[in-house]
Amino acid sequence: MRRFIRILLPVDASVPSIPLVFITFFLVAIFQMPIHHIFGGESFSLRIIVNEVVVVLGIPLTLIYFFHFDRKRLLPLKQISIPVIVFVVMLTFGADVVIDYLTKLSEYFFPLPKWVQNSFDKLMEVRGVQDIIWKVIILCALPAVCEEIFFRGYCQSAITKRLGVWKAIVITSLLFAALHGNPWYFHLYFILSLVIGGIYALTGNLWTAIICHFFNCLIKHTWFQAI
């Protein structure tokens, strides 16, 4: 038991160990189920808020605080320049174009079940400017901040220290795709995460990953629906 604890939490650990990263991932995945059950009769927005803030963001931040991990290494929220923002946005837009073509190709060979497609259609509905603003907050801003702090800040940063940059990007992307729970789009989430992970590794700034995630969601969930 003591040996397992030492592996899980090395004495000199400044970031989570690989086993702790996976345990954290499973905790986040498991706790999503009761959240959806408890708030199943409530609004969809409330479920997203509770899930993102309490589970996806709350669990890793609690562990960082409790085990005194290096916050600067796990949460490198640095100042970002306008040229970098423009670069991230342009790269994200290019990646989204490719992913959009891959989505069409995937749906041609592996059509979405009708109930899944209906869920997406309902999620994408917009009824005026207020609805668009609310969707930007709930479907774009909130997931971008919460999920990137978890996946890029907590997971990828920790795995990078143990296994190196490229293995960390790939492993984190597998976790990212798995947690989204859509087997028909697993490879698309994986590709998107590779892009976000690469940008984060290149810049060393968590804001770039958040911006990339936000802009991707903005394109997918609101922008094209509003046109």
Protein backbone atom coordinates (compact mmCIF):
# COMPACT_ATOMS: atom_id res chain seq x y z
CA MET A 1 0.00 0.00 0.00
CA ARG A 2 2.79 2.41 0.90
CA ARG A 3 4.57 1.57 -2.34
CA PHE A 4 1.42 2.38 -4.31
CA ILE A 5 1.06 5.70 -2.48
CA ARG A 6 4.70 6.58 -3.24
CA ILE A 7 4.11 5.81 -6.92
CA LEU A 8 0.89 7.82 -6.91
CA LEU A 9 2.32 10.72 -4.93
CA PRO A 10 6.13 10.92 -5.02
CA VAL A 11 7.50 12.97 -2.14
CA ASP A 12 9.13 15.58 -4.38
CA ALA A 13 6.28 15.74 -6.92
CA SER A 14 5.66 19.22 -8.29
CA VAL A 15 3.07 17.90 -10.75
CA PRO A 16 0.69 14.92 -10.67
CA SER A 17 2.14 11.48 -11.41
CA ILE A 18 0.91 9.55 -14.46
CA PRO A 19 -1.27 7.24 -12.30
CA LEU A 20 -2.81 10.26 -10.58
CA VAL A 21 -3.58 11.86 -13.94
CA PHE A 22 -5.51 8.75 -14.99
CA ILE A 23 -7.25 8.50 -11.63
CA THR A 24 -8.29 12.14 -11.96
CA PHE A 25 -9.59 11.46 -15.46
CA PHE A 26 -11.69 8.54 -14.23
CA LEU A 27 -13.01 10.63 -11.33
CA VAL A 28 -14.09 13.35 -13.77
CA ALA A 29 -15.69 10.76 -16.07
CA ILE A 30 -17.49 8.97 -13.22
CA PHE A 31 -18.81 12.11 -11.54
CA GLN A 32 -20.34 13.29 -14.81
CA MET A 33 -22.91 10.49 -14.59
CA PRO A 34 -24.57 11.53 -11.29
CA ILE A 35 -24.49 15.17 -12.41
CA HIS A 36 -26.51 14.29 -15.52
CA HIS A 37 -28.84 12.12 -13.42
CA ILE A 38 -29.41 14.68 -10.64
CA PHE A 39 -29.97 17.55 -13.04
CA GLY A 40 -31.65 15.47 -15.74
CA GLY A 41 -34.96 17.23 -15.23
CA GLU A 42 -33.42 20.68 -15.11
CA SER A 43 -32.32 22.90 -17.96
CA PHE A 44 -29.56 21.75 -20.28
CA SER A 45 -27.60 24.90 -19.45
CA LEU A 46 -27.62 24.14 -15.73
CA ARG A 47 -26.25 20.66 -16.35
CA ILE A 48 -23.41 22.08 -18.45
CA ILE A 49 -22.55 24.71 -15.84
CA VAL A 50 -22.49 22.24 -12.94
CA ASN A 51 -20.59 19.62 -14.93
CA GLU A 52 -17.94 22.00 -16.24
CA VAL A 53 -17.40 24.05 -13.08
CA VAL A 54 -17.87 21.45 -10.33
CA VAL A 55 -16.50 18.33 -12.06
CA VAL A 56 -14.20 19.16 -14.97
CA LEU A 57 -12.66 22.21 -13.30
CA GLY A 58 -13.32 21.53 -9.63
CA ILE A 59 -11.69 18.12 -9.29
CA PRO A 60 -8.24 18.98 -10.75
CA LEU A 61 -8.11 22.35 -8.96
CA THR A 62 -8.95 20.63 -5.67
CA LEU A 63 -6.11 18.14 -6.18
CA ILE A 64 -3.68 20.90 -7.13
CA TYR A 65 -4.57 22.77 -3.95
CA PHE A 66 -4.66 19.73 -1.67
CA PHE A 67 -1.33 18.22 -2.82
CA HIS A 68 0.43 21.59 -3.27
CA PHE A 69 1.38 20.99 -6.90
CA ASP A 70 3.25 23.68 -8.84
CA ARG A 71 0.46 26.01 -9.99
CA LYS A 72 2.71 28.03 -12.29
CA ARG A 73 3.68 24.88 -14.16
CA LEU A 74 0.19 23.43 -14.34
CA LEU A 75 -1.66 26.71 -14.92
CA PRO A 76 0.66 28.89 -17.02
CA LEU A 77 -1.76 31.75 -17.68
CA LYS A 78 0.68 34.27 -19.11
CA GLN A 79 0.21 37.57 -20.88
CA ILE A 80 -0.57 37.07 -24.55
CA SER A 81 0.11 39.39 -27.47
CA ILE A 82 -2.24 40.32 -30.33
CA PRO A 83 -0.08 38.62 -33.01
CA VAL A 84 -0.16 35.37 -31.06
CA ILE A 85 -3.96 35.60 -30.72
CA VAL A 86 -4.27 36.18 -34.48
CA PHE A 87 -1.97 33.22 -35.18
CA VAL A 88 -4.00 30.93 -32.90
CA VAL A 89 -7.31 32.02 -34.42
CA MET A 90 -6.07 31.52 -37.99
CA LEU A 91 -4.60 28.11 -37.18
CA THR A 92 -7.81 27.06 -35.44
CA PHE A 93 -9.91 28.19 -38.41
CA GLY A 94 -7.73 26.19 -40.80
CA ALA A 95 -7.96 23.11 -38.60
CA ASP A 96 -11.75 23.50 -38.36
CA VAL A 97 -12.06 23.57 -42.14
CA VAL A 98 -10.18 20.28 -42.38
CA ILE A 99 -12.17 18.76 -39.49
CA ASP A 100 -15.43 19.88 -41.13
CA TYR A 101 -14.53 17.98 -44.31
CA LEU A 102 -13.57 14.95 -42.23
CA THR A 103 -16.90 15.21 -40.39
CA LYS A 104 -18.83 15.07 -43.67
CA LEU A 105 -16.73 12.12 -44.80
CA SER A 106 -17.24 10.30 -41.50
CA GLU A 107 -20.99 10.83 -41.57
CA TYR A 108 -21.10 9.47 -45.12
CA PHE A 109 -19.57 6.13 -44.06
CA PHE A 110 -20.82 6.10 -40.46
CA PRO A 111 -24.11 8.03 -40.26
CA LEU A 112 -25.10 9.38 -36.87
CA PRO A 113 -28.05 7.62 -35.22
CA LYS A 114 -31.22 9.66 -35.52
CA TRP A 115 -31.42 10.35 -31.77
CA VAL A 116 -27.85 11.68 -31.76
CA GLN A 117 -28.52 13.91 -34.75
CA ASN A 118 -31.71 15.22 -33.13
CA SER A 119 -29.77 16.04 -29.96
CA PHE A 120 -27.21 17.99 -31.98
CA ASP A 121 -29.93 19.83 -33.89
CA LYS A 122 -31.66 20.81 -30.66
CA LEU A 123 -28.36 21.98 -29.18
CA MET A 124 -27.65 24.13 -32.23
CA GLU A 125 -31.02 25.91 -32.27
CA VAL A 126 -30.82 29.68 -31.89
CA ARG A 127 -33.76 32.01 -31.31
CA GLY A 128 -32.42 35.48 -31.54
CA VAL A 129 -29.44 37.49 -30.34
CA GLN A 130 -29.90 36.68 -26.64
CA ASP A 131 -29.83 32.97 -27.37
CA ILE A 132 -26.64 33.36 -29.38
CA ILE A 133 -24.94 35.27 -26.55
CA TRP A 134 -26.01 32.64 -24.01
CA LYS A 135 -24.73 29.81 -26.21
CA VAL A 136 -21.39 31.59 -26.62
CA ILE A 137 -21.07 31.64 -22.83
CA ILE A 138 -22.36 28.12 -22.10
CA LEU A 139 -21.10 26.19 -25.13
CA CYS A 140 -17.93 28.14 -25.95
CA ALA A 141 -16.42 30.16 -23.11
CA LEU A 142 -17.18 27.85 -20.18
CA PRO A 143 -15.96 24.58 -21.77
CA ALA A 144 -12.91 26.34 -23.21
CA VAL A 145 -11.75 27.55 -19.79
CA CYS A 146 -12.71 24.51 -17.70
CA GLU A 147 -11.65 21.78 -20.12
CA GLU A 148 -8.35 23.39 -21.08
CA ILE A 149 -7.35 23.90 -17.45
CA PHE A 150 -8.00 20.19 -16.95
CA PHE A 151 -6.68 18.66 -20.17
CA ARG A 152 -3.84 20.97 -21.15
CA GLY A 153 -2.97 22.51 -17.79
CA TYR A 154 -3.38 19.51 -15.48
CA CYS A 155 -3.03 16.47 -17.74
CA GLN A 156 -0.71 17.48 -20.57
CA SER A 157 1.66 19.49 -18.36
CA ALA A 158 2.02 16.60 -15.92
CA ILE A 159 2.47 13.95 -18.62
CA THR A 160 4.98 16.13 -20.46
CA LYS A 161 7.28 16.18 -17.44
CA ARG A 162 7.16 12.39 -17.19
CA LEU A 163 7.06 11.23 -20.82
CA GLY A 164 7.91 14.19 -23.04
CA VAL A 165 5.94 16.60 -25.21
CA TRP A 166 4.67 14.41 -28.07
CA LYS A 167 3.58 11.48 -25.93
CA ALA A 168 1.81 13.95 -23.65
CA ILE A 169 -0.07 15.51 -26.56
CA VAL A 170 -1.19 12.12 -27.89
CA ILE A 171 -2.21 10.68 -24.50
CA THR A 172 -4.04 13.87 -23.52
CA SER A 173 -5.84 13.87 -26.87
CA LEU A 174 -7.01 10.30 -26.31
CA LEU A 175 -8.37 11.32 -22.90
CA PHE A 176 -9.99 14.42 -24.42
CA ALA A 177 -11.73 12.40 -27.14
CA ALA A 178 -12.82 9.68 -24.71
CA LEU A 179 -14.36 12.09 -22.19
CA HIS A 180 -16.56 13.69 -24.86
CA GLY A 181 -18.35 10.36 -25.11
CA ASN A 182 -19.17 10.39 -28.82
CA PRO A 183 -17.79 7.26 -30.55
CA TRP A 184 -18.84 8.53 -33.99
CA TYR A 185 -16.71 11.66 -33.59
CA PHE A 186 -13.91 10.20 -31.46
CA HIS A 187 -11.28 10.66 -34.18
CA LEU A 188 -12.43 14.24 -34.79
CA TYR A 189 -12.13 15.18 -31.13
CA PHE A 190 -8.72 13.50 -31.14
CA ILE A 191 -7.53 15.57 -34.12
CA LEU A 192 -8.86 18.79 -32.58
CA SER A 193 -7.06 18.01 -29.33
CA LEU A 194 -3.81 17.35 -31.20
CA VAL A 195 -4.07 20.87 -32.63
CA ILE A 196 -4.85 22.46 -29.26
CA GLY A 197 -2.15 20.42 -27.53
CA GLY A 198 0.40 21.38 -30.16
CA ILE A 199 -0.42 25.06 -29.78
CA TYR A 200 -0.13 24.79 -26.00
CA ALA A 201 3.22 22.99 -26.24
CA LEU A 202 4.49 25.55 -28.74
CA THR A 203 3.52 28.63 -26.73
CA GLY A 204 3.66 27.33 -23.16
CA ASN A 205 0.67 29.54 -22.43
CA LEU A 206 -2.67 28.13 -21.33
CA TRP A 207 -4.47 31.14 -22.76
CA THR A 208 -3.60 30.01 -26.30
CA ALA A 209 -5.24 26.63 -25.70
CA ILE A 210 -8.32 28.33 -24.23
CA ILE A 211 -8.57 30.71 -27.21
CA CYS A 212 -8.20 27.83 -29.67
CA HIS A 213 -10.89 25.80 -27.91
CA PHE A 214 -13.20 28.82 -27.63
CA PHE A 215 -12.88 29.78 -31.28
CA ASN A 216 -13.46 26.19 -32.40
CA CYS A 217 -16.66 26.02 -30.34
CA LEU A 218 -17.71 29.45 -31.62
CA ILE A 219 -17.50 28.22 -35.19
CA LYS A 220 -19.21 24.90 -34.56
CA HIS A 221 -21.98 25.94 -32.15
CA THR A 222 -22.99 29.48 -32.94
CA TRP A 223 -21.35 31.27 -35.82
CA PHE A 224 -22.40 28.97 -38.68
CA GLN A 225 -25.82 28.52 -37.08
CA ALA A 226 -26.43 32.25 -37.00
CA ILE A 227 -25.60 32.82 -40.66
